[in-house]
Amino acid sequence: MDLNLLVVLDAIFTEGGITQAAAKLNLTQPAVSHALARLRDLLGDPLFVRAGRGLTPTPFARNLIHPVRESLRGLEIALSEAAHFDPANSRRRFVLGIRDVLEARILPALLHRITEEAPGVDLSAIHIDRRELEGELAAGRVDAALDIWLGLPERIHRRLMMEDRFIVVVRNGHPRVRGRIDLDGYLAEQHVLVSARTSGPGLEDLELTRLGHSRHVRLRCQHYFAGCRVVSQTDLILTMTEHYARITNRPFANQILPFPVEGPGLDAYLYWHANVETDPANLWLRRVIAETMASLPTRDL
């Protein structure tokens, strides 16, 4: 089979139409239509069916696209490994999956280091659903990711980048919390829970449940900045990681107190796929990220 046909298949699947695929591949529409016809003959399946103005993949095409993309990505990596990545002259854009709690802490220093070593390299920092991370790394749509410990298969490599711990954010002038909070006092208060999910416990709740405790979550919201602001104007308290708290809390001057439970922290890991383990460009990116995180101060005061 002509491997160019698989490139066409991937483009049509991604773009949802022949016109868009032709534009992406810099080919004519008849050329893409002809390639699709050849694929249909070779594979014995229509692959795509008309749906409105676009094309919808058949079940056969959906089952086929992942191994096709894996194969194309493998060829791309095999070719790139033979070349030397020159950061000083590269015009590449890297895609980094990252959580918002790490983004504000890491990106300023990371961009500064990238600018010094690779002035032509761009960076996209994006949010990724954790359920999709393995597929995004495997397909090469994401070069690396920074997140908490995730139970991913061995083909997703990882490295511990930063250790962190939970703390409690309480407003100055809180009538019951002044400078310290014990477990009984913590459980007696009403809480803010920050989560991108619409329901379910936070990591701190899992630790409390393990010890046989529970708390009253009065407010569930999406962002820690909003949570810190709510805390500054109410008697609610917020549990979050220390490093990020010292950034988001600056405008509010809330109290930052130790979490009253000894337990696991919220460490950050760098993730990448096995198929880029020796890729020169990815090796450079991972080195820059590791060196940047190692250079960060222990506390962002």
C-alpha atoms as a PDB file:
ATOM      1  CA  MET A   1       0.000   0.000   0.000  1.00  0.00           C
ATOM      2  CA  ASP A   2       1.129   3.524  -0.803  1.00  0.00           C
ATOM      3  CA  LEU A   3       1.801   5.145   2.577  1.00  0.00           C
ATOM      4  CA  ASN A   4       0.563   8.449   1.179  1.00  0.00           C
ATOM      5  CA  LEU A   5      -2.914   6.929   1.205  1.00  0.00           C
ATOM      6  CA  LEU A   6      -2.692   6.571   4.980  1.00  0.00           C
ATOM      7  CA  VAL A   7      -1.714  10.222   5.269  1.00  0.00           C
ATOM      8  CA  VAL A   8      -4.828  11.097   3.267  1.00  0.00           C
ATOM      9  CA  LEU A   9      -6.950   8.860   5.507  1.00  0.00           C
ATOM     10  CA  ASP A  10      -5.641  10.624   8.622  1.00  0.00           C
ATOM     11  CA  ALA A  11      -6.260  14.071   7.096  1.00  0.00           C
ATOM     12  CA  ILE A  12      -9.866  13.302   6.103  1.00  0.00           C
ATOM     13  CA  PHE A  13     -10.541  11.784   9.520  1.00  0.00           C
ATOM     14  CA  THR A  14      -9.088  14.840  11.275  1.00  0.00           C
ATOM     15  CA  GLU A  15     -10.571  17.544   9.054  1.00  0.00           C
ATOM     16  CA  GLY A  16     -13.969  15.932   8.435  1.00  0.00           C
ATOM     17  CA  GLY A  17     -14.073  16.544   4.693  1.00  0.00           C
ATOM     18  CA  ILE A  18     -12.246  16.207   1.399  1.00  0.00           C
ATOM     19  CA  THR A  19     -11.960  19.960   0.789  1.00  0.00           C
ATOM     20  CA  GLN A  20     -10.435  20.588   4.198  1.00  0.00           C
ATOM     21  CA  ALA A  21      -8.101  17.596   3.884  1.00  0.00           C
ATOM     22  CA  ALA A  22      -6.928  18.781   0.466  1.00  0.00           C
ATOM     23  CA  ALA A  23      -6.142  22.222   1.892  1.00  0.00           C
ATOM     24  CA  LYS A  24      -4.227  20.700   4.809  1.00  0.00           C
ATOM     25  CA  LEU A  25      -2.175  18.435   2.527  1.00  0.00           C
ATOM     26  CA  ASN A  26      -1.723  21.093  -0.176  1.00  0.00           C
ATOM     27  CA  LEU A  27      -3.342  18.787  -2.735  1.00  0.00           C
ATOM     28  CA  THR A  28      -6.224  19.211  -5.166  1.00  0.00           C
ATOM     29  CA  GLN A  29      -9.674  17.927  -4.237  1.00  0.00           C
ATOM     30  CA  PRO A  30      -9.659  15.415  -7.139  1.00  0.00           C
ATOM     31  CA  ALA A  31      -6.352  14.012  -5.905  1.00  0.00           C
ATOM     32  CA  VAL A  32      -7.751  13.478  -2.402  1.00  0.00           C
ATOM     33  CA  SER A  33     -10.986  11.998  -3.808  1.00  0.00           C
ATOM     34  CA  HIS A  34      -8.950   9.614  -5.959  1.00  0.00           C
ATOM     35  CA  ALA A  35      -6.863   8.549  -2.949  1.00  0.00           C
ATOM     36  CA  LEU A  36     -10.019   7.921  -0.932  1.00  0.00           C
ATOM     37  CA  ALA A  37     -11.452   5.809  -3.769  1.00  0.00           C
ATOM     38  CA  ARG A  38      -8.251   3.721  -3.845  1.00  0.00           C
ATOM     39  CA  LEU A  39      -8.435   3.220  -0.089  1.00  0.00           C
ATOM     40  CA  ARG A  40     -12.050   2.094  -0.329  1.00  0.00           C
ATOM     41  CA  ASP A  41     -11.118  -0.469  -2.973  1.00  0.00           C
ATOM     42  CA  LEU A  42      -8.111  -1.715  -1.049  1.00  0.00           C
ATOM     43  CA  LEU A  43      -9.870  -1.989   2.310  1.00  0.00           C
ATOM     44  CA  GLY A  44     -13.336  -2.994   1.148  1.00  0.00           C
ATOM     45  CA  ASP A  45     -15.108  -0.373   3.229  1.00  0.00           C
ATOM     46  CA  PRO A  46     -16.561   3.085   2.432  1.00  0.00           C
ATOM     47  CA  LEU A  47     -14.505   4.536   5.331  1.00  0.00           C
ATOM     48  CA  PHE A  48     -16.509   7.797   5.371  1.00  0.00           C
ATOM     49  CA  VAL A  49     -20.185   8.581   4.759  1.00  0.00           C
ATOM     50  CA  ARG A  50     -21.795  11.933   4.019  1.00  0.00           C
ATOM     51  CA  ALA A  51     -23.230  13.755   7.053  1.00  0.00           C
ATOM     52  CA  GLY A  52     -24.496  17.230   6.219  1.00  0.00           C
ATOM     53  CA  ARG A  53     -21.618  19.160   4.690  1.00  0.00           C
ATOM     54  CA  GLY A  54     -18.959  16.874   6.100  1.00  0.00           C
ATOM     55  CA  LEU A  55     -17.917  13.238   6.242  1.00  0.00           C
ATOM     56  CA  THR A  56     -18.386  10.884   9.180  1.00  0.00           C
ATOM     57  CA  PRO A  57     -16.020   7.910   9.604  1.00  0.00           C
ATOM     58  CA  THR A  58     -17.467   4.407   9.536  1.00  0.00           C
ATOM     59  CA  PRO A  59     -16.837   2.029  12.459  1.00  0.00           C
ATOM     60  CA  PHE A  60     -14.114   0.366  10.383  1.00  0.00           C
ATOM     61  CA  ALA A  61     -12.357   3.725   9.906  1.00  0.00           C
ATOM     62  CA  ARG A  62     -12.659   4.513  13.623  1.00  0.00           C
ATOM     63  CA  ASN A  63     -11.025   1.207  14.508  1.00  0.00           C
ATOM     64  CA  LEU A  64      -8.308   1.743  11.917  1.00  0.00           C
ATOM     65  CA  ILE A  65      -7.295   5.320  12.646  1.00  0.00           C
ATOM     66  CA  HIS A  66      -5.425   4.707  15.912  1.00  0.00           C
ATOM     67  CA  PRO A  67      -2.956   2.083  14.564  1.00  0.00           C
ATOM     68  CA  VAL A  68      -2.556   4.182  11.394  1.00  0.00           C
ATOM     69  CA  ARG A  69      -1.639   7.247  13.433  1.00  0.00           C
ATOM     70  CA  GLU A  70       0.692   5.183  15.625  1.00  0.00           C
ATOM     71  CA  SER A  71       2.450   3.884  12.528  1.00  0.00           C
ATOM     72  CA  LEU A  72       2.764   7.304  10.900  1.00  0.00           C
ATOM     73  CA  ARG A  73       4.045   8.766  14.160  1.00  0.00           C
ATOM     74  CA  GLY A  74       6.566   5.953  14.477  1.00  0.00           C
ATOM     75  CA  LEU A  75       7.890   6.666  10.993  1.00  0.00           C
ATOM     76  CA  GLU A  76       8.117  10.356  11.777  1.00  0.00           C
ATOM     77  CA  ILE A  77      10.085   9.688  14.956  1.00  0.00           C
ATOM     78  CA  ALA A  78      12.373   7.203  13.198  1.00  0.00           C
ATOM     79  CA  LEU A  79      13.258   9.836  10.627  1.00  0.00           C
ATOM     80  CA  SER A  80      13.669  12.631  13.157  1.00  0.00           C
ATOM     81  CA  GLU A  81      16.005  10.537  15.324  1.00  0.00           C
ATOM     82  CA  ALA A  82      18.472  10.501  12.433  1.00  0.00           C
ATOM     83  CA  ALA A  83      18.577  14.279  12.469  1.00  0.00           C
ATOM     84  CA  HIS A  84      20.114  16.550  15.064  1.00  0.00           C
ATOM     85  CA  PHE A  85      17.701  18.899  16.802  1.00  0.00           C
ATOM     86  CA  ASP A  86      19.176  22.398  16.761  1.00  0.00           C
ATOM     87  CA  PRO A  87      17.199  24.499  19.258  1.00  0.00           C
ATOM     88  CA  ALA A  88      18.971  27.707  18.277  1.00  0.00           C
ATOM     89  CA  ASN A  89      17.621  27.461  14.725  1.00  0.00           C
ATOM     90  CA  SER A  90      14.416  25.486  15.226  1.00  0.00           C
ATOM     91  CA  ARG A  91      11.008  26.947  14.345  1.00  0.00           C
ATOM     92  CA  ARG A  92       9.086  24.156  16.032  1.00  0.00           C
ATOM     93  CA  ARG A  93       6.039  24.519  18.291  1.00  0.00           C
ATOM     94  CA  PHE A  94       5.895  22.177  21.285  1.00  0.00           C
ATOM     95  CA  VAL A  95       2.615  21.258  22.968  1.00  0.00           C
ATOM     96  CA  LEU A  96       2.708  20.774  26.736  1.00  0.00           C
ATOM     97  CA  GLY A  97      -0.252  19.388  28.661  1.00  0.00           C
ATOM     98  CA  ILE A  98      -0.370  21.083  32.046  1.00  0.00           C
ATOM     99  CA  ARG A  99      -2.780  21.713  34.913  1.00  0.00           C
ATOM    100  CA  ASP A 100      -3.628  25.271  35.921  1.00  0.00           C
ATOM    101  CA  VAL A 101      -2.061  24.804  39.358  1.00  0.00           C
ATOM    102  CA  LEU A 102       1.323  24.287  37.680  1.00  0.00           C
ATOM    103  CA  GLU A 103       0.879  26.684  34.772  1.00  0.00           C
ATOM    104  CA  ALA A 104       1.246  29.939  36.724  1.00  0.00           C
ATOM    105  CA  ARG A 105       4.219  28.638  38.691  1.00  0.00           C
ATOM    106  CA  ILE A 106       6.240  27.156  35.852  1.00  0.00           C
ATOM    107  CA  LEU A 107       5.499  28.972  32.598  1.00  0.00           C
ATOM    108  CA  PRO A 108       7.307  32.296  33.255  1.00  0.00           C
ATOM    109  CA  ALA A 109      10.619  30.588  34.039  1.00  0.00           C
ATOM    110  CA  LEU A 110      10.134  27.938  31.339  1.00  0.00           C
ATOM    111  CA  LEU A 111       9.450  30.488  28.618  1.00  0.00           C
ATOM    112  CA  HIS A 112      12.480  32.512  29.712  1.00  0.00           C
ATOM    113  CA  ARG A 113      14.721  29.446  29.399  1.00  0.00           C
ATOM    114  CA  ILE A 114      13.238  28.457  26.025  1.00  0.00           C
ATOM    115  CA  THR A 115      13.722  31.988  24.721  1.00  0.00           C
ATOM    116  CA  GLU A 116      17.381  31.900  25.729  1.00  0.00           C
ATOM    117  CA  GLU A 117      18.154  28.539  24.099  1.00  0.00           C
ATOM    118  CA  ALA A 118      15.640  28.468  21.251  1.00  0.00           C
ATOM    119  CA  PRO A 119      14.375  31.939  20.276  1.00  0.00           C
ATOM    120  CA  GLY A 120      12.369  30.527  17.364  1.00  0.00           C
ATOM    121  CA  VAL A 121      10.607  27.787  19.337  1.00  0.00           C
ATOM    122  CA  ASP A 122       6.991  28.356  20.405  1.00  0.00           C
ATOM    123  CA  LEU A 123       5.083  26.677  23.223  1.00  0.00           C
ATOM    124  CA  SER A 124       1.400  25.785  23.590  1.00  0.00           C
ATOM    125  CA  ALA A 125       0.315  24.984  27.155  1.00  0.00           C
ATOM    126  CA  ILE A 126      -3.043  23.210  27.041  1.00  0.00           C
ATOM    127  CA  HIS A 127      -5.496  21.441  29.338  1.00  0.00           C
ATOM    128  CA  ILE A 128      -5.993  17.749  28.610  1.00  0.00           C
ATOM    129  CA  ASP A 129      -8.632  15.427  29.978  1.00  0.00           C
ATOM    130  CA  ARG A 130      -6.642  12.841  31.944  1.00  0.00           C
ATOM    131  CA  ARG A 131      -8.619  10.061  30.269  1.00  0.00           C
ATOM    132  CA  GLU A 132      -7.266  11.214  26.897  1.00  0.00           C
ATOM    133  CA  LEU A 133      -3.655  11.840  27.890  1.00  0.00           C
ATOM    134  CA  GLU A 134      -2.288   8.462  26.789  1.00  0.00           C
ATOM    135  CA  GLY A 135      -3.841   8.776  23.330  1.00  0.00           C
ATOM    136  CA  GLU A 136      -2.720  12.375  22.884  1.00  0.00           C
ATOM    137  CA  LEU A 137       0.883  11.495  23.760  1.00  0.00           C
ATOM    138  CA  ALA A 138       0.819   8.399  21.548  1.00  0.00           C
ATOM    139  CA  ALA A 139      -0.515  10.350  18.564  1.00  0.00           C
ATOM    140  CA  GLY A 140       2.084  13.088  19.004  1.00  0.00           C
ATOM    141  CA  ARG A 141      -0.527  15.822  19.429  1.00  0.00           C
ATOM    142  CA  VAL A 142       1.039  16.473  22.838  1.00  0.00           C
ATOM    143  CA  ASP A 143       4.820  16.322  23.287  1.00  0.00           C
ATOM    144  CA  ALA A 144       4.848  16.028  27.087  1.00  0.00           C
ATOM    145  CA  ALA A 145       2.588  16.607  30.071  1.00  0.00           C
ATOM    146  CA  LEU A 146       2.906  17.741  33.671  1.00  0.00           C
ATOM    147  CA  ASP A 147       0.391  16.335  36.127  1.00  0.00           C
ATOM    148  CA  ILE A 148      -0.047  14.463  39.395  1.00  0.00           C
ATOM    149  CA  TRP A 149       0.633  10.723  39.652  1.00  0.00           C
ATOM    150  CA  LEU A 150      -1.547   8.929  37.104  1.00  0.00           C
ATOM    151  CA  GLY A 151      -1.965   5.185  36.697  1.00  0.00           C
ATOM    152  CA  LEU A 152      -0.878   5.058  33.056  1.00  0.00           C
ATOM    153  CA  PRO A 153       0.647   2.030  31.259  1.00  0.00           C
ATOM    154  CA  GLU A 154       4.397   1.469  31.029  1.00  0.00           C
ATOM    155  CA  ARG A 155       4.612   2.904  27.506  1.00  0.00           C
ATOM    156  CA  ILE A 156       3.910   6.281  29.091  1.00  0.00           C
ATOM    157  CA  HIS A 157       7.176   7.199  30.787  1.00  0.00           C
ATOM    158  CA  ARG A 158       7.296   9.511  33.788  1.00  0.00           C
ATOM    159  CA  ARG A 159       9.690  11.360  36.042  1.00  0.00           C
ATOM    160  CA  LEU A 160       9.083  13.094  39.374  1.00  0.00           C
ATOM    161  CA  MET A 161       9.564  16.827  38.895  1.00  0.00           C
ATOM    162  CA  MET A 162       8.344  18.534  42.048  1.00  0.00           C
ATOM    163  CA  GLU A 163       7.086  17.632  45.501  1.00  0.00           C
ATOM    164  CA  ASP A 164       4.272  19.649  47.037  1.00  0.00           C
ATOM    165  CA  ARG A 165       1.946  19.470  50.029  1.00  0.00           C
ATOM    166  CA  PHE A 166      -1.566  20.488  51.011  1.00  0.00           C
ATOM    167  CA  ILE A 167      -2.149  23.643  53.035  1.00  0.00           C
ATOM    168  CA  VAL A 168      -5.262  25.437  54.280  1.00  0.00           C
ATOM    169  CA  VAL A 169      -6.190  28.983  53.238  1.00  0.00           C
ATOM    170  CA  VAL A 170      -8.164  31.010  55.806  1.00  0.00           C
ATOM    171  CA  ARG A 171      -8.970  34.711  55.817  1.00  0.00           C
ATOM    172  CA  ASN A 172      -7.242  37.044  58.219  1.00  0.00           C
ATOM    173  CA  GLY A 173      -9.667  37.936  60.963  1.00  0.00           C
ATOM    174  CA  HIS A 174     -11.435  34.577  60.863  1.00  0.00           C
ATOM    175  CA  PRO A 175     -13.284  34.357  64.203  1.00  0.00           C
ATOM    176  CA  ARG A 176     -12.232  30.778  64.956  1.00  0.00           C
ATOM    177  CA  VAL A 177      -8.921  30.284  63.132  1.00  0.00           C
ATOM    178  CA  ARG A 178      -5.931  32.378  64.137  1.00  0.00           C
ATOM    179  CA  GLY A 179      -2.506  31.154  63.122  1.00  0.00           C
ATOM    180  CA  ARG A 180      -3.174  27.418  63.360  1.00  0.00           C
ATOM    181  CA  ILE A 181      -5.920  24.866  62.749  1.00  0.00           C
ATOM    182  CA  ASP A 182      -6.205  21.335  64.124  1.00  0.00           C
ATOM    183  CA  LEU A 183      -8.211  18.491  62.656  1.00  0.00           C
ATOM    184  CA  ASP A 184     -11.284  19.056  64.820  1.00  0.00           C
ATOM    185  CA  GLY A 185     -11.315  22.735  63.930  1.00  0.00           C
ATOM    186  CA  TYR A 186     -10.801  21.925  60.253  1.00  0.00           C
ATOM    187  CA  LEU A 187     -13.734  19.495  60.175  1.00  0.00           C
ATOM    188  CA  ALA A 188     -15.974  21.953  62.035  1.00  0.00           C
ATOM    189  CA  GLU A 189     -15.601  24.638  59.340  1.00  0.00           C
ATOM    190  CA  GLN A 190     -17.379  24.912  55.985  1.00  0.00           C
ATOM    191  CA  HIS A 191     -15.183  24.437  52.932  1.00  0.00           C
ATOM    192  CA  VAL A 192     -14.511  25.514  49.363  1.00  0.00           C
ATOM    193  CA  LEU A 193     -13.648  22.690  46.943  1.00  0.00           C
ATOM    194  CA  VAL A 194     -11.988  23.628  43.653  1.00  0.00           C
ATOM    195  CA  SER A 195     -12.464  21.076  40.892  1.00  0.00           C
ATOM    196  CA  ALA A 196     -12.964  20.998  37.128  1.00  0.00           C
ATOM    197  CA  ARG A 197     -15.319  18.045  37.608  1.00  0.00           C
ATOM    198  CA  THR A 198     -19.001  18.615  38.266  1.00  0.00           C
ATOM    199  CA  SER A 199     -19.140  16.148  41.142  1.00  0.00           C
ATOM    200  CA  GLY A 200     -17.032  13.806  43.217  1.00  0.00           C
ATOM    201  CA  PRO A 201     -14.545  14.277  46.056  1.00  0.00           C
ATOM    202  CA  GLY A 202     -11.261  16.166  45.978  1.00  0.00           C
ATOM    203  CA  LEU A 203      -7.951  14.497  46.734  1.00  0.00           C
ATOM    204  CA  GLU A 204      -8.057  15.936  50.231  1.00  0.00           C
ATOM    205  CA  ASP A 205     -11.456  14.281  50.752  1.00  0.00           C
ATOM    206  CA  LEU A 206     -10.012  10.909  49.769  1.00  0.00           C
ATOM    207  CA  GLU A 207      -7.365  11.280  52.439  1.00  0.00           C
ATOM    208  CA  LEU A 208      -9.940  12.338  55.042  1.00  0.00           C
ATOM    209  CA  THR A 209     -12.187   9.394  54.115  1.00  0.00           C
ATOM    210  CA  ARG A 210      -9.263   7.002  54.508  1.00  0.00           C
ATOM    211  CA  LEU A 211      -8.973   8.237  58.104  1.00  0.00           C
ATOM    212  CA  GLY A 212     -12.726   7.986  58.701  1.00  0.00           C
ATOM    213  CA  HIS A 213     -13.533  11.701  58.454  1.00  0.00           C
ATOM    214  CA  SER A 214     -15.664  13.878  56.197  1.00  0.00           C
ATOM    215  CA  ARG A 215     -16.175  17.628  55.772  1.00  0.00           C
ATOM    216  CA  HIS A 216     -18.949  19.974  54.661  1.00  0.00           C
ATOM    217  CA  VAL A 217     -18.237  21.450  51.223  1.00  0.00           C
ATOM    218  CA  ARG A 218     -20.364  24.594  51.085  1.00  0.00           C
ATOM    219  CA  LEU A 219     -19.029  25.830  47.730  1.00  0.00           C
ATOM    220  CA  ARG A 220     -17.675  23.963  44.721  1.00  0.00           C
ATOM    221  CA  CYS A 221     -15.988  26.163  42.102  1.00  0.00           C
ATOM    222  CA  GLN A 222     -13.632  25.839  39.121  1.00  0.00           C
ATOM    223  CA  HIS A 223     -10.606  28.022  39.897  1.00  0.00           C
ATOM    224  CA  TYR A 224      -8.332  28.551  42.877  1.00  0.00           C
ATOM    225  CA  PHE A 225      -8.155  32.305  42.334  1.00  0.00           C
ATOM    226  CA  ALA A 226     -11.937  32.464  42.801  1.00  0.00           C
ATOM    227  CA  GLY A 227     -11.632  30.173  45.814  1.00  0.00           C
ATOM    228  CA  CYS A 228      -9.026  32.410  47.464  1.00  0.00           C
ATOM    229  CA  ARG A 229     -11.191  35.458  46.860  1.00  0.00           C
ATOM    230  CA  VAL A 230     -14.241  33.773  48.390  1.00  0.00           C
ATOM    231  CA  VAL A 231     -12.150  32.811  51.415  1.00  0.00           C
ATOM    232  CA  SER A 232     -10.966  36.414  51.832  1.00  0.00           C
ATOM    233  CA  GLN A 233     -14.565  37.633  52.129  1.00  0.00           C
ATOM    234  CA  THR A 234     -16.225  34.761  54.059  1.00  0.00           C
ATOM    235  CA  ASP A 235     -15.514  32.314  56.851  1.00  0.00           C
ATOM    236  CA  LEU A 236     -15.160  29.403  54.420  1.00  0.00           C
ATOM    237  CA  ILE A 237     -11.745  27.718  54.214  1.00  0.00           C
ATOM    238  CA  LEU A 238      -9.913  26.251  51.223  1.00  0.00           C
ATOM    239  CA  THR A 239      -7.467  23.357  50.889  1.00  0.00           C
ATOM    240  CA  MET A 240      -4.930  23.498  48.056  1.00  0.00           C
ATOM    241  CA  THR A 241      -1.243  22.981  47.262  1.00  0.00           C
ATOM    242  CA  GLU A 242       1.284  25.225  48.969  1.00  0.00           C
ATOM    243  CA  HIS A 243       3.238  26.370  45.897  1.00  0.00           C
ATOM    244  CA  TYR A 244       0.163  27.521  44.018  1.00  0.00           C
ATOM    245  CA  ALA A 245      -1.377  29.051  47.149  1.00  0.00           C
ATOM    246  CA  ARG A 246       1.568  31.389  47.533  1.00  0.00           C
ATOM    247  CA  ILE A 247       0.899  32.724  44.019  1.00  0.00           C
ATOM    248  CA  THR A 248      -2.894  32.977  43.992  1.00  0.00           C
ATOM    249  CA  ASN A 249      -3.113  34.283  47.556  1.00  0.00           C
ATOM    250  CA  ARG A 250      -0.912  37.357  46.990  1.00  0.00           C
ATOM    251  CA  PRO A 251      -3.789  39.809  46.304  1.00  0.00           C
ATOM    252  CA  PHE A 252      -5.735  38.618  49.356  1.00  0.00           C
ATOM    253  CA  ALA A 253      -3.204  38.092  52.175  1.00  0.00           C
ATOM    254  CA  ASN A 254      -5.137  35.165  53.612  1.00  0.00           C
ATOM    255  CA  GLN A 255      -3.578  32.951  56.251  1.00  0.00           C
ATOM    256  CA  ILE A 256      -1.710  29.924  54.868  1.00  0.00           C
ATOM    257  CA  LEU A 257      -1.716  27.165  57.455  1.00  0.00           C
ATOM    258  CA  PRO A 258      -0.514  23.540  57.528  1.00  0.00           C
ATOM    259  CA  PHE A 259      -3.034  20.887  56.527  1.00  0.00           C
ATOM    260  CA  PRO A 260      -3.929  19.134  59.815  1.00  0.00           C
ATOM    261  CA  VAL A 261      -3.519  15.620  58.389  1.00  0.00           C
ATOM    262  CA  GLU A 262      -0.227  13.899  57.697  1.00  0.00           C
ATOM    263  CA  GLY A 263      -0.589  12.332  54.279  1.00  0.00           C
ATOM    264  CA  PRO A 264       0.670  12.170  50.722  1.00  0.00           C
ATOM    265  CA  GLY A 265       1.398  15.405  48.937  1.00  0.00           C
ATOM    266  CA  LEU A 266       0.402  16.471  45.465  1.00  0.00           C
ATOM    267  CA  ASP A 267       3.615  15.812  43.540  1.00  0.00           C
ATOM    268  CA  ALA A 268       4.113  16.777  39.895  1.00  0.00           C
ATOM    269  CA  TYR A 269       5.343  14.294  37.264  1.00  0.00           C
ATOM    270  CA  LEU A 270       6.534  14.792  33.707  1.00  0.00           C
ATOM    271  CA  TYR A 271       4.957  12.347  31.222  1.00  0.00           C
ATOM    272  CA  TRP A 272       6.015  11.420  27.688  1.00  0.00           C
ATOM    273  CA  HIS A 273       5.411   8.484  25.335  1.00  0.00           C
ATOM    274  CA  ALA A 274       7.919   5.674  24.817  1.00  0.00           C
ATOM    275  CA  ASN A 275       8.029   6.428  21.091  1.00  0.00           C
ATOM    276  CA  VAL A 276       9.766   9.769  21.771  1.00  0.00           C
ATOM    277  CA  GLU A 277      12.155   8.447  24.410  1.00  0.00           C
ATOM    278  CA  THR A 278      15.196   9.077  22.180  1.00  0.00           C
ATOM    279  CA  ASP A 279      13.739  11.785  19.933  1.00  0.00           C
ATOM    280  CA  PRO A 280      16.286  14.667  20.026  1.00  0.00           C
ATOM    281  CA  ALA A 281      13.632  17.385  20.091  1.00  0.00           C
ATOM    282  CA  ASN A 282      11.658  15.738  22.881  1.00  0.00           C
ATOM    283  CA  LEU A 283      14.825  15.031  24.831  1.00  0.00           C
ATOM    284  CA  TRP A 284      15.659  18.730  24.649  1.00  0.00           C
ATOM    285  CA  LEU A 285      12.161  19.726  25.793  1.00  0.00           C
ATOM    286  CA  ARG A 286      12.268  17.348  28.749  1.00  0.00           C
ATOM    287  CA  ARG A 287      15.704  18.609  29.756  1.00  0.00           C
ATOM    288  CA  VAL A 288      14.567  22.234  29.655  1.00  0.00           C
ATOM    289  CA  ILE A 289      11.466  21.454  31.718  1.00  0.00           C
ATOM    290  CA  ALA A 290      13.468  19.490  34.306  1.00  0.00           C
ATOM    291  CA  GLU A 291      16.133  22.187  34.632  1.00  0.00           C
ATOM    292  CA  THR A 292      13.497  24.896  34.906  1.00  0.00           C
ATOM    293  CA  MET A 293      11.599  23.128  37.656  1.00  0.00           C
ATOM    294  CA  ALA A 294      14.793  22.336  39.546  1.00  0.00           C
ATOM    295  CA  SER A 295      15.703  26.036  39.522  1.00  0.00           C
ATOM    296  CA  LEU A 296      12.411  27.253  40.987  1.00  0.00           C
ATOM    297  CA  PRO A 297      12.505  28.507  44.580  1.00  0.00           C
ATOM    298  CA  THR A 298      11.060  26.222  47.214  1.00  0.00           C
ATOM    299  CA  ARG A 299       8.503  28.862  48.070  1.00  0.00           C
ATOM    300  CA  ASP A 300       7.053  31.606  45.875  1.00  0.00           C
ATOM    301  CA  LEU A 301       6.923  34.364  48.474  1.00  0.00           C
END
